[in-house]
Amino acid sequence: MTAQRACGVDEVAVSSAVKVELDGIAVAIVKDSAGEIHAIGDTCTHGEISLSEGFVEDDSIECWAHGSQFELRTGKPKNLPAYEPVPVFPVTIDGDDVLVDVQNPVKL
């Protein structure tokens, strides 16, 4: 795994997201309502909108522009207008650091 530091665990509040760029890839680091950290592609597949600016609820993130929700574990859209998934990246917590491997997206 070629994981690299994306941010600190404490830099992401519960039920929120932050945008980082790793190897030229925009990634949303999301802490769900249970406090688990996920890494997904930051760009909504419907409208080229940054998902990290959206709303986190339970185990999904909602694009603020058109309301498509994406599952944090799978990247799959839960509703229209988006119908294409966003990539999901492996996350490792190392002490206080969030490490993400953007070179090996999760295959579902």
N, C-alpha and C. Protein backbone atom coordinates (compact mmCIF):
# COMPACT_ATOMS: atom_id res chain seq x y z
N MET A 1 0.85 -1.18 0.00
CA MET A 1 0.00 0.00 0.00
C MET A 1 0.89 1.23 0.00
N THR A 2 0.56 2.20 -0.82
CA THR A 2 1.32 3.43 -0.93
C THR A 2 0.57 4.57 -0.27
N ALA A 3 0.17 4.34 0.97
CA ALA A 3 -0.60 5.35 1.69
C ALA A 3 0.27 6.55 2.03
N GLN A 4 -0.35 7.71 2.03
CA GLN A 4 0.34 8.93 2.41
C GLN A 4 -0.54 9.75 3.34
N ARG A 5 0.08 10.61 4.11
CA ARG A 5 -0.67 11.42 5.08
C ARG A 5 -1.61 12.37 4.35
N ALA A 6 -2.88 12.32 4.75
CA ALA A 6 -3.88 13.22 4.18
C ALA A 6 -4.17 14.37 5.13
N CYS A 7 -4.27 14.07 6.43
CA CYS A 7 -4.56 15.08 7.44
C CYS A 7 -4.44 14.43 8.80
N GLY A 8 -4.67 15.20 9.84
CA GLY A 8 -4.72 14.67 11.19
C GLY A 8 -6.13 14.22 11.52
N VAL A 9 -6.24 13.23 12.39
CA VAL A 9 -7.56 12.74 12.80
C VAL A 9 -8.41 13.87 13.36
N ASP A 10 -7.80 14.75 14.14
CA ASP A 10 -8.54 15.84 14.78
C ASP A 10 -8.89 16.98 13.83
N GLU A 11 -8.39 16.94 12.60
CA GLU A 11 -8.70 18.00 11.63
C GLU A 11 -10.07 17.82 10.99
N VAL A 12 -10.70 16.67 11.25
CA VAL A 12 -12.02 16.39 10.67
C VAL A 12 -13.01 16.20 11.83
N ALA A 13 -14.01 17.05 11.90
CA ALA A 13 -15.03 16.94 12.94
C ALA A 13 -16.02 15.84 12.59
N VAL A 14 -16.69 15.31 13.58
CA VAL A 14 -17.73 14.30 13.36
C VAL A 14 -18.82 14.90 12.46
N SER A 15 -19.29 14.10 11.52
CA SER A 15 -20.33 14.50 10.55
C SER A 15 -19.89 15.67 9.68
N SER A 16 -18.61 15.64 9.27
CA SER A 16 -18.11 16.68 8.36
C SER A 16 -17.02 16.09 7.47
N ALA A 17 -16.54 16.93 6.56
CA ALA A 17 -15.53 16.50 5.60
C ALA A 17 -14.54 17.62 5.34
N VAL A 18 -13.34 17.24 4.93
CA VAL A 18 -12.33 18.19 4.48
C VAL A 18 -11.78 17.71 3.14
N LYS A 19 -11.40 18.63 2.32
CA LYS A 19 -10.84 18.31 1.01
C LYS A 19 -9.32 18.35 1.08
N VAL A 20 -8.68 17.33 0.52
CA VAL A 20 -7.23 17.29 0.38
C VAL A 20 -6.92 16.89 -1.06
N GLU A 21 -5.69 17.15 -1.46
CA GLU A 21 -5.24 16.70 -2.78
C GLU A 21 -4.03 15.81 -2.59
N LEU A 22 -4.11 14.60 -3.12
CA LEU A 22 -3.03 13.63 -3.01
C LEU A 22 -2.70 13.12 -4.41
N ASP A 23 -1.46 13.28 -4.82
CA ASP A 23 -1.04 12.86 -6.16
C ASP A 23 -1.94 13.44 -7.25
N GLY A 24 -2.39 14.67 -7.07
CA GLY A 24 -3.22 15.34 -8.06
C GLY A 24 -4.68 14.91 -8.04
N ILE A 25 -5.08 14.12 -7.05
CA ILE A 25 -6.45 13.62 -6.94
C ILE A 25 -7.14 14.32 -5.78
N ALA A 26 -8.30 14.93 -6.06
CA ALA A 26 -9.08 15.58 -5.00
C ALA A 26 -9.81 14.50 -4.21
N VAL A 27 -9.59 14.51 -2.88
CA VAL A 27 -10.15 13.48 -1.99
C VAL A 27 -10.91 14.18 -0.87
N ALA A 28 -12.09 13.66 -0.56
CA ALA A 28 -12.84 14.12 0.62
C ALA A 28 -12.55 13.15 1.75
N ILE A 29 -11.99 13.68 2.83
CA ILE A 29 -11.79 12.90 4.05
C ILE A 29 -13.01 13.18 4.91
N VAL A 30 -13.78 12.12 5.18
CA VAL A 30 -15.08 12.29 5.83
C VAL A 30 -15.11 11.51 7.14
N LYS A 31 -15.58 12.18 8.20
CA LYS A 31 -15.81 11.49 9.48
C LYS A 31 -17.32 11.36 9.64
N ASP A 32 -17.80 10.13 9.59
CA ASP A 32 -19.25 9.90 9.66
C ASP A 32 -19.79 10.14 11.07
N SER A 33 -21.08 9.97 11.24
CA SER A 33 -21.71 10.27 12.54
C SER A 33 -21.25 9.34 13.65
N ALA A 34 -20.68 8.18 13.30
CA ALA A 34 -20.15 7.26 14.30
C ALA A 34 -18.68 7.54 14.61
N GLY A 35 -18.09 8.51 13.90
CA GLY A 35 -16.69 8.86 14.12
C GLY A 35 -15.70 8.10 13.26
N GLU A 36 -16.19 7.25 12.35
CA GLU A 36 -15.31 6.51 11.46
C GLU A 36 -14.87 7.41 10.30
N ILE A 37 -13.62 7.27 9.89
CA ILE A 37 -13.07 8.11 8.83
C ILE A 37 -13.06 7.35 7.52
N HIS A 38 -13.49 8.04 6.45
CA HIS A 38 -13.55 7.49 5.10
C HIS A 38 -12.82 8.43 4.15
N ALA A 39 -12.39 7.90 3.01
CA ALA A 39 -11.78 8.73 1.96
C ALA A 39 -12.47 8.37 0.65
N ILE A 40 -13.08 9.38 0.01
CA ILE A 40 -13.77 9.18 -1.27
C ILE A 40 -13.35 10.27 -2.24
N GLY A 41 -13.58 10.02 -3.52
CA GLY A 41 -13.33 11.05 -4.51
C GLY A 41 -14.16 12.28 -4.17
N ASP A 42 -13.55 13.45 -4.25
CA ASP A 42 -14.23 14.67 -3.80
C ASP A 42 -15.21 15.24 -4.82
N THR A 43 -15.19 14.77 -6.04
CA THR A 43 -16.01 15.39 -7.08
C THR A 43 -17.28 14.59 -7.35
N CYS A 44 -18.44 15.25 -7.19
CA CYS A 44 -19.73 14.63 -7.48
C CYS A 44 -19.75 14.19 -8.94
N THR A 45 -20.21 12.99 -9.19
CA THR A 45 -20.23 12.47 -10.56
C THR A 45 -21.36 13.06 -11.40
N HIS A 46 -22.23 13.83 -10.79
CA HIS A 46 -23.31 14.46 -11.55
C HIS A 46 -22.94 15.86 -12.02
N GLY A 47 -22.35 16.66 -11.14
CA GLY A 47 -22.19 18.05 -11.51
C GLY A 47 -20.86 18.69 -11.23
N GLU A 48 -19.78 17.90 -11.08
CA GLU A 48 -18.45 18.47 -10.86
C GLU A 48 -18.43 19.41 -9.65
N ILE A 49 -19.11 19.05 -8.59
CA ILE A 49 -19.19 19.83 -7.35
C ILE A 49 -18.35 19.13 -6.28
N SER A 50 -17.69 19.91 -5.43
CA SER A 50 -16.89 19.36 -4.36
C SER A 50 -17.79 18.75 -3.29
N LEU A 51 -17.67 17.44 -3.08
CA LEU A 51 -18.49 16.76 -2.07
C LEU A 51 -18.12 17.17 -0.65
N SER A 52 -16.88 17.58 -0.44
CA SER A 52 -16.47 17.97 0.91
C SER A 52 -17.20 19.21 1.40
N GLU A 53 -17.84 19.92 0.48
CA GLU A 53 -18.65 21.09 0.85
C GLU A 53 -20.10 20.70 1.15
N GLY A 54 -20.39 19.40 1.04
CA GLY A 54 -21.75 18.92 1.24
C GLY A 54 -22.06 18.59 2.68
N PHE A 55 -23.08 17.77 2.86
CA PHE A 55 -23.62 17.45 4.17
C PHE A 55 -23.39 15.97 4.49
N VAL A 56 -22.83 15.70 5.66
CA VAL A 56 -22.59 14.33 6.09
C VAL A 56 -23.71 13.92 7.04
N GLU A 57 -24.34 12.80 6.73
CA GLU A 57 -25.39 12.28 7.59
C GLU A 57 -25.24 10.76 7.66
N ASP A 58 -25.09 10.26 8.87
CA ASP A 58 -24.90 8.83 9.11
C ASP A 58 -23.74 8.30 8.29
N ASP A 59 -24.01 7.46 7.27
CA ASP A 59 -22.95 6.82 6.49
C ASP A 59 -22.92 7.32 5.05
N SER A 60 -23.36 8.57 4.83
CA SER A 60 -23.35 9.11 3.46
C SER A 60 -23.01 10.59 3.47
N ILE A 61 -22.67 11.07 2.28
CA ILE A 61 -22.42 12.50 2.08
C ILE A 61 -23.31 12.96 0.94
N GLU A 62 -23.88 14.14 1.11
CA GLU A 62 -24.82 14.69 0.13
C GLU A 62 -24.21 15.88 -0.59
N CYS A 63 -24.28 15.88 -1.90
CA CYS A 63 -23.83 17.01 -2.71
C CYS A 63 -24.78 18.18 -2.45
N TRP A 64 -24.23 19.31 -2.10
CA TRP A 64 -25.06 20.47 -1.76
C TRP A 64 -25.79 21.05 -2.97
N ALA A 65 -25.30 20.80 -4.17
CA ALA A 65 -25.89 21.45 -5.35
C ALA A 65 -27.18 20.79 -5.83
N HIS A 66 -27.19 19.46 -5.93
CA HIS A 66 -28.36 18.80 -6.50
C HIS A 66 -28.91 17.68 -5.63
N GLY A 67 -28.33 17.45 -4.46
CA GLY A 67 -28.90 16.52 -3.50
C GLY A 67 -28.55 15.05 -3.64
N SER A 68 -27.68 14.70 -4.56
CA SER A 68 -27.29 13.29 -4.65
C SER A 68 -26.50 12.90 -3.40
N GLN A 69 -26.82 11.74 -2.85
CA GLN A 69 -26.12 11.22 -1.69
C GLN A 69 -25.27 10.03 -2.11
N PHE A 70 -24.07 9.94 -1.53
CA PHE A 70 -23.14 8.85 -1.84
C PHE A 70 -22.81 8.08 -0.58
N GLU A 71 -22.85 6.74 -0.67
CA GLU A 71 -22.47 5.88 0.45
C GLU A 71 -20.97 6.01 0.67
N LEU A 72 -20.57 6.22 1.91
CA LEU A 72 -19.15 6.42 2.21
C LEU A 72 -18.33 5.15 2.06
N ARG A 73 -18.90 3.99 2.29
CA ARG A 73 -18.16 2.73 2.19
C ARG A 73 -18.00 2.25 0.75
N THR A 74 -18.98 2.54 -0.09
CA THR A 74 -18.95 2.01 -1.46
C THR A 74 -18.79 3.08 -2.53
N GLY A 75 -19.10 4.32 -2.21
CA GLY A 75 -19.06 5.39 -3.20
C GLY A 75 -20.28 5.43 -4.10
N LYS A 76 -21.19 4.48 -3.92
CA LYS A 76 -22.37 4.39 -4.80
C LYS A 76 -23.39 5.48 -4.45
N PRO A 77 -24.00 6.06 -5.49
CA PRO A 77 -25.05 7.05 -5.23
C PRO A 77 -26.30 6.36 -4.69
N LYS A 78 -26.95 7.04 -3.76
CA LYS A 78 -28.17 6.50 -3.15
C LYS A 78 -29.43 7.04 -3.85
N ASN A 79 -29.25 8.08 -4.63
CA ASN A 79 -30.39 8.69 -5.32
C ASN A 79 -29.92 9.48 -6.53
N LEU A 80 -30.86 9.82 -7.39
CA LEU A 80 -30.57 10.64 -8.56
C LEU A 80 -30.43 12.10 -8.12
N PRO A 81 -29.79 12.95 -8.90
CA PRO A 81 -29.47 12.76 -10.31
C PRO A 81 -28.17 12.02 -10.58
N ALA A 82 -27.30 11.81 -9.59
CA ALA A 82 -26.07 11.06 -9.85
C ALA A 82 -26.40 9.57 -10.00
N TYR A 83 -25.71 8.93 -10.92
CA TYR A 83 -25.89 7.49 -11.10
C TYR A 83 -24.55 6.76 -11.19
N GLU A 84 -23.46 7.49 -11.25
CA GLU A 84 -22.12 6.91 -11.27
C GLU A 84 -21.51 7.03 -9.87
N PRO A 85 -20.82 6.00 -9.40
CA PRO A 85 -20.18 6.08 -8.08
C PRO A 85 -18.94 6.96 -8.09
N VAL A 86 -18.53 7.39 -6.92
CA VAL A 86 -17.25 8.08 -6.74
C VAL A 86 -16.27 7.04 -6.21
N PRO A 87 -14.97 7.21 -6.47
CA PRO A 87 -14.01 6.23 -5.96
C PRO A 87 -13.90 6.28 -4.44
N VAL A 88 -13.59 5.13 -3.86
CA VAL A 88 -13.35 5.00 -2.42
C VAL A 88 -11.91 4.54 -2.25
N PHE A 89 -11.21 5.16 -1.32
CA PHE A 89 -9.79 4.87 -1.12
C PHE A 89 -9.55 4.26 0.26
N PRO A 90 -8.59 3.32 0.36
CA PRO A 90 -8.25 2.72 1.65
C PRO A 90 -7.72 3.77 2.63
N VAL A 91 -8.16 3.67 3.88
CA VAL A 91 -7.74 4.57 4.95
C VAL A 91 -7.07 3.75 6.05
N THR A 92 -5.96 4.29 6.55
CA THR A 92 -5.28 3.72 7.70
C THR A 92 -5.08 4.85 8.71
N ILE A 93 -5.37 4.58 9.97
CA ILE A 93 -5.09 5.55 11.02
C ILE A 93 -3.79 5.14 11.68
N ASP A 94 -2.82 6.05 11.67
CA ASP A 94 -1.51 5.80 12.26
C ASP A 94 -1.27 6.87 13.33
N GLY A 95 -1.57 6.52 14.58
CA GLY A 95 -1.47 7.52 15.64
C GLY A 95 -2.52 8.60 15.43
N ASP A 96 -2.07 9.82 15.19
CA ASP A 96 -2.98 10.94 14.95
C ASP A 96 -3.12 11.27 13.46
N ASP A 97 -2.52 10.47 12.60
CA ASP A 97 -2.52 10.75 11.17
C ASP A 97 -3.52 9.88 10.40
N VAL A 98 -4.16 10.49 9.42
CA VAL A 98 -5.03 9.76 8.48
C VAL A 98 -4.20 9.52 7.23
N LEU A 99 -3.96 8.26 6.91
CA LEU A 99 -3.21 7.88 5.72
C LEU A 99 -4.17 7.34 4.67
N VAL A 100 -3.99 7.76 3.43
CA VAL A 100 -4.88 7.36 2.34
C VAL A 100 -4.05 6.87 1.16
N ASP A 101 -4.50 5.78 0.55
CA ASP A 101 -3.83 5.22 -0.61
C ASP A 101 -4.67 5.51 -1.86
N VAL A 102 -4.34 6.58 -2.57
CA VAL A 102 -5.12 6.95 -3.76
C VAL A 102 -4.74 6.14 -4.99
N GLN A 103 -3.63 5.42 -4.92
CA GLN A 103 -3.18 4.64 -6.07
C GLN A 103 -3.90 3.29 -6.18
N ASN A 104 -4.57 2.89 -5.11
CA ASN A 104 -5.25 1.59 -5.10
C ASN A 104 -6.69 1.72 -4.59
N PRO A 105 -7.58 2.34 -5.38
CA PRO A 105 -8.97 2.48 -4.94
C PRO A 105 -9.58 1.14 -4.58
N VAL A 106 -10.52 1.17 -3.64
CA VAL A 106 -11.22 -0.03 -3.23
C VAL A 106 -12.05 -0.56 -4.39
N LYS A 107 -11.93 -1.85 -4.66
CA LYS A 107 -12.72 -2.47 -5.73
C LYS A 107 -13.89 -3.18 -5.09
N LEU A 108 -15.09 -2.80 -5.51
CA LEU A 108 -16.30 -3.38 -4.92
C LEU A 108 -17.03 -4.24 -5.91
